[in-house]
Amino acid sequence: PLETRYLVNAQVGDEAVVSNDASHVPEKDLLQLVDGKV
């Protein structure tokens, strides 16, 4: 709750972002914004 950056989880193709398969880990990116711009 203290994180002010935006969180983006992404995965290749149409692979599920959330999966029960531990080998399918999505990309995690954090975006810092000022006045709505990264």
Full PDB file with SEQRES, HELIX, SHEET, SSBOND, CRYST1, ORIGX, SCALE, CONECT and MASTER records, all heavy atoms in Angstrom:
SEQRES   1 A   38  PRO LEU GLU THR ARG TYR LEU VAL ASN ALA GLN VAL GLY          
SEQRES   2 A   38  ASP GLU ALA VAL VAL SER ASN ASP ALA SER HIS VAL PRO          
SEQRES   3 A   38  GLU LYS ASP LEU LEU GLN LEU VAL ASP GLY LYS VAL              
SHEET    1 AA1 2 TYR A   6  ALA A  10  0                                        
SHEET    2 AA1 2 GLU A  27  LEU A  31 -1                                        
CRYST1    1.000    1.000    1.000  90.00  90.00  90.00 P 1           1          
ORIGX1      1.000000  0.000000  0.000000        0.00000                         
ORIGX2      0.000000  1.000000  0.000000        0.00000                         
ORIGX3      0.000000  0.000000  1.000000        0.00000                         
SCALE1      1.000000  0.000000  0.000000        0.00000                         
SCALE2      0.000000  1.000000  0.000000        0.00000                         
SCALE3      0.000000  0.000000  1.000000        0.00000                         
ATOM      1  N   PRO A   1       0.805  -1.232   0.000  1.00  0.00           N  
ATOM      2  CA  PRO A   1       0.000   0.000   0.000  1.00  0.00           C  
ATOM      3  C   PRO A   1       0.835   1.277   0.000  1.00  0.00           C  
ATOM      4  O   PRO A   1       0.311   2.354  -0.296  1.00  0.00           O  
ATOM      5  CB  PRO A   1      -0.833  -0.123   1.282  1.00  0.00           C  
ATOM      6  CG  PRO A   1      -0.055  -1.058   2.156  1.00  0.00           C  
ATOM      7  CD  PRO A   1       0.601  -2.029   1.221  1.00  0.00           C  
ATOM      8  N   LEU A   2       2.127   1.173   0.300  1.00  0.00           N  
ATOM      9  CA  LEU A   2       2.988   2.354   0.322  1.00  0.00           C  
ATOM     10  C   LEU A   2       3.638   2.620  -1.035  1.00  0.00           C  
ATOM     11  O   LEU A   2       4.259   3.666  -1.224  1.00  0.00           O  
ATOM     12  CB  LEU A   2       4.076   2.188   1.394  1.00  0.00           C  
ATOM     13  CG  LEU A   2       3.576   2.026   2.837  1.00  0.00           C  
ATOM     14  CD1 LEU A   2       4.749   1.858   3.786  1.00  0.00           C  
ATOM     15  CD2 LEU A   2       2.704   3.202   3.251  1.00  0.00           C  
ATOM     16  N   GLU A   3       3.493   1.704  -1.975  1.00  0.00           N  
ATOM     17  CA  GLU A   3       4.084   1.867  -3.298  1.00  0.00           C  
ATOM     18  C   GLU A   3       3.290   2.887  -4.105  1.00  0.00           C  
ATOM     19  O   GLU A   3       2.078   2.767  -4.263  1.00  0.00           O  
ATOM     20  CB  GLU A   3       4.113   0.525  -4.034  1.00  0.00           C  
ATOM     21  CG  GLU A   3       4.670   0.577  -5.449  1.00  0.00           C  
ATOM     22  CD  GLU A   3       6.109   1.018  -5.485  1.00  0.00           C  
ATOM     23  OE1 GLU A   3       6.989   0.211  -5.136  1.00  0.00           O  
ATOM     24  OE2 GLU A   3       6.347   2.203  -5.860  1.00  0.00           O  
ATOM     25  N   THR A   4       3.968   3.908  -4.613  1.00  0.00           N  
ATOM     26  CA  THR A   4       3.291   4.957  -5.381  1.00  0.00           C  
ATOM     27  C   THR A   4       3.430   4.752  -6.888  1.00  0.00           C  
ATOM     28  O   THR A   4       2.755   5.419  -7.662  1.00  0.00           O  
ATOM     29  CB  THR A   4       3.857   6.340  -5.012  1.00  0.00           C  
ATOM     30  OG1 THR A   4       5.263   6.363  -5.285  1.00  0.00           O  
ATOM     31  CG2 THR A   4       3.627   6.632  -3.531  1.00  0.00           C  
ATOM     32  N   ARG A   5       4.318   3.851  -7.292  1.00  0.00           N  
ATOM     33  CA  ARG A   5       4.491   3.591  -8.721  1.00  0.00           C  
ATOM     34  C   ARG A   5       3.393   2.662  -9.233  1.00  0.00           C  
ATOM     35  O   ARG A   5       2.776   1.927  -8.473  1.00  0.00           O  
ATOM     36  CB  ARG A   5       5.867   2.965  -8.977  1.00  0.00           C  
ATOM     37  CG  ARG A   5       7.027   3.891  -8.686  1.00  0.00           C  
ATOM     38  CD  ARG A   5       8.358   3.172  -8.781  1.00  0.00           C  
ATOM     39  NE  ARG A   5       8.496   2.139  -7.756  1.00  0.00           N  
ATOM     40  CZ  ARG A   5       9.570   1.358  -7.614  1.00  0.00           C  
ATOM     41  NH1 ARG A   5      10.594   1.496  -8.449  1.00  0.00           N  
ATOM     42  NH2 ARG A   5       9.611   0.453  -6.657  1.00  0.00           N  
ATOM     43  N   TYR A   6       3.147   2.723 -10.533  1.00  0.00           N  
ATOM     44  CA  TYR A   6       2.172   1.841 -11.151  1.00  0.00           C  
ATOM     45  C   TYR A   6       2.826   0.492 -11.424  1.00  0.00           C  
ATOM     46  O   TYR A   6       4.009   0.413 -11.780  1.00  0.00           O  
ATOM     47  CB  TYR A   6       1.666   2.426 -12.471  1.00  0.00           C  
ATOM     48  CG  TYR A   6       0.736   3.612 -12.315  1.00  0.00           C  
ATOM     49  CD1 TYR A   6       0.516   4.201 -11.072  1.00  0.00           C  
ATOM     50  CD2 TYR A   6       0.089   4.160 -13.413  1.00  0.00           C  
ATOM     51  CE1 TYR A   6      -0.321   5.280 -10.924  1.00  0.00           C  
ATOM     52  CE2 TYR A   6      -0.761   5.253 -13.280  1.00  0.00           C  
ATOM     53  CZ  TYR A   6      -0.960   5.803 -12.028  1.00  0.00           C  
ATOM     54  OH  TYR A   6      -1.789   6.879 -11.889  1.00  0.00           O  
ATOM     55  N   LEU A   7       2.060  -0.553 -11.257  1.00  0.00           N  
ATOM     56  CA  LEU A   7       2.549  -1.916 -11.466  1.00  0.00           C  
ATOM     57  C   LEU A   7       1.957  -2.491 -12.747  1.00  0.00           C  
ATOM     58  O   LEU A   7       0.741  -2.407 -12.972  1.00  0.00           O  
ATOM     59  CB  LEU A   7       2.154  -2.803 -10.277  1.00  0.00           C  
ATOM     60  CG  LEU A   7       2.328  -4.307 -10.445  1.00  0.00           C  
ATOM     61  CD1 LEU A   7       3.804  -4.661 -10.591  1.00  0.00           C  
ATOM     62  CD2 LEU A   7       1.711  -5.058  -9.269  1.00  0.00           C  
ATOM     63  N   VAL A   8       2.803  -3.062 -13.587  1.00  0.00           N  
ATOM     64  CA  VAL A   8       2.359  -3.710 -14.818  1.00  0.00           C  
ATOM     65  C   VAL A   8       2.915  -5.132 -14.843  1.00  0.00           C  
ATOM     66  O   VAL A   8       4.133  -5.332 -14.758  1.00  0.00           O  
ATOM     67  CB  VAL A   8       2.848  -2.950 -16.073  1.00  0.00           C  
ATOM     68  CG1 VAL A   8       2.390  -3.677 -17.340  1.00  0.00           C  
ATOM     69  CG2 VAL A   8       2.330  -1.515 -16.068  1.00  0.00           C  
ATOM     70  N   ASN A   9       2.026  -6.106 -14.942  1.00  0.00           N  
ATOM     71  CA  ASN A   9       2.416  -7.498 -15.139  1.00  0.00           C  
ATOM     72  C   ASN A   9       2.081  -7.868 -16.576  1.00  0.00           C  
ATOM     73  O   ASN A   9       0.945  -7.637 -17.031  1.00  0.00           O  
ATOM     74  CB  ASN A   9       1.670  -8.431 -14.182  1.00  0.00           C  
ATOM     75  CG  ASN A   9       2.173  -8.298 -12.750  1.00  0.00           C  
ATOM     76  OD1 ASN A   9       3.369  -8.090 -12.530  1.00  0.00           O  
ATOM     77  ND2 ASN A   9       1.288  -8.411 -11.787  1.00  0.00           N  
ATOM     78  N   ALA A  10       3.031  -8.426 -17.302  1.00  0.00           N  
ATOM     79  CA  ALA A  10       2.811  -8.745 -18.713  1.00  0.00           C  
ATOM     80  C   ALA A  10       3.388 -10.113 -19.044  1.00  0.00           C  
ATOM     81  O   ALA A  10       4.358 -10.556 -18.443  1.00  0.00           O  
ATOM     82  CB  ALA A  10       3.447  -7.677 -19.602  1.00  0.00           C  
ATOM     83  N   GLN A  11       2.761 -10.759 -20.034  1.00  0.00           N  
ATOM     84  CA  GLN A  11       3.208 -12.077 -20.475  1.00  0.00           C  
ATOM     85  C   GLN A  11       3.174 -12.145 -21.997  1.00  0.00           C  
ATOM     86  O   GLN A  11       2.395 -11.432 -22.641  1.00  0.00           O  
ATOM     87  CB  GLN A  11       2.319 -13.172 -19.862  1.00  0.00           C  
ATOM     88  CG  GLN A  11       2.831 -14.587 -19.998  1.00  0.00           C  
ATOM     89  CD  GLN A  11       4.224 -14.795 -19.424  1.00  0.00           C  
ATOM     90  OE1 GLN A  11       5.209 -14.410 -20.057  1.00  0.00           O  
ATOM     91  NE2 GLN A  11       4.299 -15.383 -18.245  1.00  0.00           N  
ATOM     92  N   VAL A  12       4.001 -13.003 -22.543  1.00  0.00           N  
ATOM     93  CA  VAL A  12       4.100 -13.103 -24.005  1.00  0.00           C  
ATOM     94  C   VAL A  12       2.847 -13.743 -24.601  1.00  0.00           C  
ATOM     95  O   VAL A  12       2.202 -14.589 -23.983  1.00  0.00           O  
ATOM     96  CB  VAL A  12       5.341 -13.920 -24.413  1.00  0.00           C  
ATOM     97  CG1 VAL A  12       6.608 -13.220 -23.981  1.00  0.00           C  
ATOM     98  CG2 VAL A  12       5.281 -15.327 -23.823  1.00  0.00           C  
ATOM     99  N   GLY A  13       2.498 -13.326 -25.817  1.00  0.00           N  
ATOM    100  CA  GLY A  13       1.382 -13.913 -26.551  1.00  0.00           C  
ATOM    101  C   GLY A  13       0.092 -13.872 -25.764  1.00  0.00           C  
ATOM    102  O   GLY A  13      -0.230 -12.873 -25.115  1.00  0.00           O  
ATOM    103  N   ASP A  14      -0.646 -14.980 -25.823  1.00  0.00           N  
ATOM    104  CA  ASP A  14      -1.887 -15.055 -25.059  1.00  0.00           C  
ATOM    105  C   ASP A  14      -1.732 -15.942 -23.836  1.00  0.00           C  
ATOM    106  O   ASP A  14      -2.716 -16.426 -23.278  1.00  0.00           O  
ATOM    107  CB  ASP A  14      -3.040 -15.553 -25.940  1.00  0.00           C  
ATOM    108  CG  ASP A  14      -2.791 -16.963 -26.486  1.00  0.00           C  
ATOM    109  OD1 ASP A  14      -1.698 -17.508 -26.249  1.00  0.00           O  
ATOM    110  OD2 ASP A  14      -3.696 -17.516 -27.148  1.00  0.00           O  
ATOM    111  N   GLU A  15      -0.490 -16.155 -23.403  1.00  0.00           N  
ATOM    112  CA  GLU A  15      -0.250 -16.916 -22.190  1.00  0.00           C  
ATOM    113  C   GLU A  15      -0.853 -16.180 -20.996  1.00  0.00           C  
ATOM    114  O   GLU A  15      -0.810 -14.944 -20.922  1.00  0.00           O  
ATOM    115  CB  GLU A  15       1.247 -17.119 -21.951  1.00  0.00           C  
ATOM    116  CG  GLU A  15       1.930 -18.028 -22.959  1.00  0.00           C  
ATOM    117  CD  GLU A  15       1.565 -19.493 -22.759  1.00  0.00           C  
ATOM    118  OE1 GLU A  15       1.077 -19.837 -21.661  1.00  0.00           O  
ATOM    119  OE2 GLU A  15       1.777 -20.284 -23.686  1.00  0.00           O  
ATOM    120  N   ALA A  16      -1.389 -16.931 -20.055  1.00  0.00           N  
ATOM    121  CA  ALA A  16      -2.032 -16.330 -18.894  1.00  0.00           C  
ATOM    122  C   ALA A  16      -1.029 -15.552 -18.052  1.00  0.00           C  
ATOM    123  O   ALA A  16       0.090 -16.011 -17.809  1.00  0.00           O  
ATOM    124  CB  ALA A  16      -2.696 -17.411 -18.044  1.00  0.00           C  
ATOM    125  N   VAL A  17      -1.443 -14.368 -17.617  1.00  0.00           N  
ATOM    126  CA  VAL A  17      -0.604 -13.577 -16.719  1.00  0.00           C  
ATOM    127  C   VAL A  17      -0.556 -14.231 -15.348  1.00  0.00           C  
ATOM    128  O   VAL A  17       0.464 -14.221 -14.661  1.00  0.00           O  
ATOM    129  CB  VAL A  17      -1.144 -12.139 -16.612  1.00  0.00           C  
ATOM    130  CG1 VAL A  17      -0.335 -11.322 -15.603  1.00  0.00           C  
ATOM    131  CG2 VAL A  17      -1.098 -11.460 -17.967  1.00  0.00           C  
ATOM    132  N   VAL A  18      -1.679 -14.810 -14.948  1.00  0.00           N  
ATOM    133  CA  VAL A  18      -1.758 -15.537 -13.684  1.00  0.00           C  
ATOM    134  C   VAL A  18      -1.939 -17.009 -14.007  1.00  0.00           C  
ATOM    135  O   VAL A  18      -2.886 -17.397 -14.678  1.00  0.00           O  
ATOM    136  CB  VAL A  18      -2.938 -15.041 -12.822  1.00  0.00           C  
ATOM    137  CG1 VAL A  18      -3.011 -15.831 -11.526  1.00  0.00           C  
ATOM    138  CG2 VAL A  18      -2.791 -13.560 -12.535  1.00  0.00           C  
ATOM    139  N   SER A  19      -1.020 -17.826 -13.536  1.00  0.00           N  
ATOM    140  CA  SER A  19      -1.058 -19.239 -13.874  1.00  0.00           C  
ATOM    141  C   SER A  19      -0.659 -20.069 -12.666  1.00  0.00           C  
ATOM    142  O   SER A  19       0.117 -19.635 -11.812  1.00  0.00           O  
ATOM    143  CB  SER A  19      -0.115 -19.534 -15.047  1.00  0.00           C  
ATOM    144  OG  SER A  19       0.017 -20.919 -15.257  1.00  0.00           O  
ATOM    145  N   ASN A  20      -1.208 -21.292 -12.597  1.00  0.00           N  
ATOM    146  CA  ASN A  20      -0.806 -22.219 -11.542  1.00  0.00           C  
ATOM    147  C   ASN A  20       0.530 -22.879 -11.855  1.00  0.00           C  
ATOM    148  O   ASN A  20       1.071 -23.612 -11.024  1.00  0.00           O  
ATOM    149  CB  ASN A  20      -1.879 -23.300 -11.357  1.00  0.00           C  
ATOM    150  CG  ASN A  20      -3.170 -22.731 -10.795  1.00  0.00           C  
ATOM    151  OD1 ASN A  20      -3.135 -21.808  -9.994  1.00  0.00           O  
ATOM    152  ND2 ASN A  20      -4.306 -23.270 -11.207  1.00  0.00           N  
ATOM    153  N   ASP A  21       1.047 -22.640 -13.050  1.00  0.00           N  
ATOM    154  CA  ASP A  21       2.322 -23.205 -13.465  1.00  0.00           C  
ATOM    155  C   ASP A  21       3.449 -22.282 -12.992  1.00  0.00           C  
ATOM    156  O   ASP A  21       3.580 -21.154 -13.458  1.00  0.00           O  
ATOM    157  CB  ASP A  21       2.359 -23.348 -14.990  1.00  0.00           C  
ATOM    158  CG  ASP A  21       3.568 -24.131 -15.479  1.00  0.00           C  
ATOM    159  OD1 ASP A  21       4.572 -24.194 -14.751  1.00  0.00           O  
ATOM    160  OD2 ASP A  21       3.509 -24.668 -16.603  1.00  0.00           O  
ATOM    161  N   ALA A  22       4.255 -22.781 -12.063  1.00  0.00           N  
ATOM    162  CA  ALA A  22       5.321 -21.961 -11.485  1.00  0.00           C  
ATOM    163  C   ALA A  22       6.388 -21.575 -12.497  1.00  0.00           C  
ATOM    164  O   ALA A  22       7.169 -20.643 -12.254  1.00  0.00           O  
ATOM    165  CB  ALA A  22       5.969 -22.702 -10.320  1.00  0.00           C  
ATOM    166  N   SER A  23       6.430 -22.261 -13.642  1.00  0.00           N  
ATOM    167  CA  SER A  23       7.424 -21.926 -14.661  1.00  0.00           C  
ATOM    168  C   SER A  23       6.961 -20.798 -15.574  1.00  0.00           C  
ATOM    169  O   SER A  23       7.730 -20.305 -16.390  1.00  0.00           O  
ATOM    170  CB  SER A  23       7.747 -23.168 -15.507  1.00  0.00           C  
ATOM    171  OG  SER A  23       6.618 -23.578 -16.265  1.00  0.00           O  
ATOM    172  N   HIS A  24       5.699 -20.383 -15.445  1.00  0.00           N  
ATOM    173  CA  HIS A  24       5.147 -19.306 -16.266  1.00  0.00           C  
ATOM    174  C   HIS A  24       5.063 -18.025 -15.426  1.00  0.00           C  
ATOM    175  O   HIS A  24       3.993 -17.627 -14.970  1.00  0.00           O  
ATOM    176  CB  HIS A  24       3.773 -19.688 -16.800  1.00  0.00           C  
ATOM    177  CG  HIS A  24       3.826 -20.726 -17.862  1.00  0.00           C  
ATOM    178  ND1 HIS A  24       2.789 -20.943 -18.751  1.00  0.00           N  
ATOM    179  CD2 HIS A  24       4.775 -21.628 -18.201  1.00  0.00           C  
ATOM    180  CE1 HIS A  24       3.110 -21.920 -19.585  1.00  0.00           C  
ATOM    181  NE2 HIS A  24       4.318 -22.347 -19.259  1.00  0.00           N  
ATOM    182  N   VAL A  25       6.196 -17.387 -15.231  1.00  0.00           N  
ATOM    183  CA  VAL A  25       6.264 -16.177 -14.411  1.00  0.00           C  
ATOM    184  C   VAL A  25       6.171 -14.953 -15.311  1.00  0.00           C  
ATOM    185  O   VAL A  25       6.939 -14.824 -16.273  1.00  0.00           O  
ATOM    186  CB  VAL A  25       7.585 -16.127 -13.613  1.00  0.00           C  
ATOM    187  CG1 VAL A  25       7.667 -14.843 -12.796  1.00  0.00           C  
ATOM    188  CG2 VAL A  25       7.698 -17.350 -12.710  1.00  0.00           C  
ATOM    189  N   PRO A  26       5.246 -14.022 -15.043  1.00  0.00           N  
ATOM    190  CA  PRO A  26       5.106 -12.851 -15.916  1.00  0.00           C  
ATOM    191  C   PRO A  26       6.152 -11.781 -15.644  1.00  0.00           C  
ATOM    192  O   PRO A  26       6.774 -11.748 -14.578  1.00  0.00           O  
ATOM    193  CB  PRO A  26       3.701 -12.333 -15.567  1.00  0.00           C  
ATOM    194  CG  PRO A  26       3.538 -12.702 -14.131  1.00  0.00           C  
ATOM    195  CD  PRO A  26       4.226 -14.035 -13.981  1.00  0.00           C  
ATOM    196  N   GLU A  27       6.323 -10.913 -16.613  1.00  0.00           N  
ATOM    197  CA  GLU A  27       7.177  -9.738 -16.447  1.00  0.00           C  
ATOM    198  C   GLU A  27       6.540  -8.785 -15.442  1.00  0.00           C  
ATOM    199  O   GLU A  27       5.312  -8.649 -15.376  1.00  0.00           O  
ATOM    200  CB  GLU A  27       7.324  -9.049 -17.806  1.00  0.00           C  
ATOM    201  CG  GLU A  27       8.105  -7.735 -17.791  1.00  0.00           C  
ATOM    202  CD  GLU A  27       8.254  -7.181 -19.194  1.00  0.00           C  
ATOM    203  OE1 GLU A  27       9.008  -7.782 -19.984  1.00  0.00           O  
ATOM    204  OE2 GLU A  27       7.586  -6.177 -19.512  1.00  0.00           O  
ATOM    205  N   LYS A  28       7.375  -8.131 -14.653  1.00  0.00           N  
ATOM    206  CA  LYS A  28       6.887  -7.150 -13.684  1.00  0.00           C  
ATOM    207  C   LYS A  28       7.632  -5.842 -13.884  1.00  0.00           C  
ATOM    208  O   LYS A  28       8.859  -5.801 -13.788  1.00  0.00           O  
ATOM    209  CB  LYS A  28       7.097  -7.657 -12.252  1.00  0.00           C  
ATOM    210  CG  LYS A  28       6.648  -6.681 -11.169  1.00  0.00           C  
ATOM    211  CD  LYS A  28       6.895  -7.254  -9.779  1.00  0.00           C  
ATOM    212  CE  LYS A  28       6.473  -6.275  -8.688  1.00  0.00           C  
ATOM    213  NZ  LYS A  28       6.725  -6.838  -7.335  1.00  0.00           N  
ATOM    214  N   ASP A  29       6.875  -4.781 -14.169  1.00  0.00           N  
ATOM    215  CA  ASP A  29       7.451  -3.461 -14.381  1.00  0.00           C  
ATOM    216  C   ASP A  29       6.794  -2.456 -13.449  1.00  0.00           C  
ATOM    217  O   ASP A  29       5.586  -2.535 -13.189  1.00  0.00           O  
ATOM    218  CB  ASP A  29       7.245  -3.001 -15.832  1.00  0.00           C  
ATOM    219  CG  ASP A  29       7.838  -3.983 -16.830  1.00  0.00           C  
ATOM    220  OD1 ASP A  29       9.010  -4.346 -16.674  1.00  0.00           O  
ATOM    221  OD2 ASP A  29       7.108  -4.384 -17.765  1.00  0.00           O  
ATOM    222  N   LEU A  30       7.579  -1.502 -12.956  1.00  0.00           N  
ATOM    223  CA  LEU A  30       7.069  -0.438 -12.098  1.00  0.00           C  
ATOM    224  C   LEU A  30       7.281   0.897 -12.791  1.00  0.00           C  
ATOM    225  O   LEU A  30       8.395   1.211 -13.227  1.00  0.00           O  
ATOM    226  CB  LEU A  30       7.780  -0.461 -10.748  1.00  0.00           C  
ATOM    227  CG  LEU A  30       7.482  -1.700  -9.884  1.00  0.00           C  
ATOM    228  CD1 LEU A  30       8.477  -1.809  -8.752  1.00  0.00           C  
ATOM    229  CD2 LEU A  30       6.058  -1.650  -9.349  1.00  0.00           C  
ATOM    230  N   LEU A  31       6.204   1.683 -12.889  1.00  0.00           N  
ATOM    231  CA  LEU A  31       6.250   2.951 -13.608  1.00  0.00           C  
ATOM    232  C   LEU A  31       6.080   4.115 -12.635  1.00  0.00           C  
ATOM    233  O   LEU A  31       5.098   4.177 -11.893  1.00  0.00           O  
ATOM    234  CB  LEU A  31       5.132   3.018 -14.658  1.00  0.00           C  
ATOM    235  CG  LEU A  31       4.953   1.806 -15.576  1.00  0.00           C  
ATOM    236  CD1 LEU A  31       3.814   2.074 -16.561  1.00  0.00           C  
ATOM    237  CD2 LEU A  31       6.248   1.482 -16.304  1.00  0.00           C  
ATOM    238  N   GLN A  32       7.024   5.041 -12.656  1.00  0.00           N  
ATOM    239  CA  GLN A  32       6.894   6.257 -11.864  1.00  0.00           C  
ATOM    240  C   GLN A  32       6.299   7.350 -12.743  1.00  0.00           C  
ATOM    241  O   GLN A  32       6.805   7.619 -13.841  1.00  0.00           O  
ATOM    242  CB  GLN A  32       8.256   6.700 -11.334  1.00  0.00           C  
ATOM    243  CG  GLN A  32       8.184   7.949 -10.463  1.00  0.00           C  
ATOM    244  CD  GLN A  32       9.552   8.360  -9.950  1.00  0.00           C  
ATOM    245  OE1 GLN A  32      10.514   7.607 -10.040  1.00  0.00           O  
ATOM    246  NE2 GLN A  32       9.643   9.569  -9.414  1.00  0.00           N  
ATOM    247  N   LEU A  33       5.213   7.949 -12.269  1.00  0.00           N  
ATOM    248  CA  LEU A  33       4.508   8.958 -13.059  1.00  0.00           C  
ATOM    249  C   LEU A  33       4.584  10.324 -12.400  1.00  0.00           C  
ATOM    250  O   LEU A  33       4.551  10.443 -11.169  1.00  0.00           O  
ATOM    251  CB  LEU A  33       3.040   8.575 -13.243  1.00  0.00           C  
ATOM    252  CG  LEU A  33       2.684   7.662 -14.427  1.00  0.00           C  
ATOM    253  CD1 LEU A  33       3.208   6.256 -14.199  1.00  0.00           C  
ATOM    254  CD2 LEU A  33       1.184   7.618 -14.642  1.00  0.00           C  
ATOM    255  N   VAL A  34       4.647  11.340 -13.233  1.00  0.00           N  
ATOM    256  CA  VAL A  34       4.526  12.725 -12.797  1.00  0.00           C  
ATOM    257  C   VAL A  34       3.555  13.411 -13.746  1.00  0.00           C  
ATOM    258  O   VAL A  34       3.763  13.394 -14.971  1.00  0.00           O  
ATOM    259  CB  VAL A  34       5.889  13.449 -12.813  1.00  0.00           C  
ATOM    260  CG1 VAL A  34       5.694  14.929 -12.485  1.00  0.00           C  
ATOM    261  CG2 VAL A  34       6.852  12.815 -11.815  1.00  0.00           C  
ATOM    262  N   ASP A  35       2.480  13.962 -13.196  1.00  0.00           N  
ATOM    263  CA  ASP A  35       1.436  14.610 -14.010  1.00  0.00           C  
ATOM    264  C   ASP A  35       0.908  13.664 -15.090  1.00  0.00           C  
ATOM    265  O   ASP A  35       0.653  14.071 -16.232  1.00  0.00           O  
ATOM    266  CB  ASP A  35       1.973  15.885 -14.658  1.00  0.00           C  
ATOM    267  CG  ASP A  35       2.346  16.944 -13.629  1.00  0.00           C  
ATOM    268  OD1 ASP A  35       1.701  16.974 -12.561  1.00  0.00           O  
ATOM    269  OD2 ASP A  35       3.278  17.714 -13.884  1.00  0.00           O  
ATOM    270  N   GLY A  36       0.761  12.385 -14.736  1.00  0.00           N  
ATOM    271  CA  GLY A  36       0.183  11.414 -15.659  1.00  0.00           C  
ATOM    272  C   GLY A  36       1.136  10.883 -16.705  1.00  0.00           C  
ATOM    273  O   GLY A  36       0.729  10.099 -17.564  1.00  0.00           O  
ATOM    274  N   LYS A  37       2.407  11.277 -16.650  1.00  0.00           N  
ATOM    275  CA  LYS A  37       3.383  10.826 -17.640  1.00  0.00           C  
ATOM    276  C   LYS A  37       4.475   9.992 -16.973  1.00  0.00           C  
ATOM    277  O   LYS A  37       4.930  10.303 -15.871  1.00  0.00           O  
ATOM    278  CB  LYS A  37       4.008  12.021 -18.357  1.00  0.00           C  
ATOM    279  CG  LYS A  37       3.002  12.838 -19.171  1.00  0.00           C  
ATOM    280  CD  LYS A  37       3.701  13.996 -19.879  1.00  0.00           C  
ATOM    281  CE  LYS A  37       2.700  14.812 -20.697  1.00  0.00           C  
ATOM    282  NZ  LYS A  37       3.353  15.939 -21.407  1.00  0.00           N  
ATOM    283  N   VAL A  38       4.910   8.944 -17.665  1.00  0.00           N  
ATOM    284  CA  VAL A  38       5.946   8.069 -17.136  1.00  0.00           C  
ATOM    285  C   VAL A  38       7.299   8.758 -17.211  1.00  0.00           C  
ATOM    286  O   VAL A  38       7.732   9.191 -18.288  1.00  0.00           O  
ATOM    287  CB  VAL A  38       5.995   6.737 -17.921  1.00  0.00           C  
ATOM    288  CG1 VAL A  38       7.130   5.844 -17.407  1.00  0.00           C  
ATOM    289  CG2 VAL A  38       4.667   5.993 -17.807  1.00  0.00           C  
TER     290      VAL A  38                                                      
MASTER        0    0    0    0    2    0    0    6  289    1    0    3          
END                                                                             
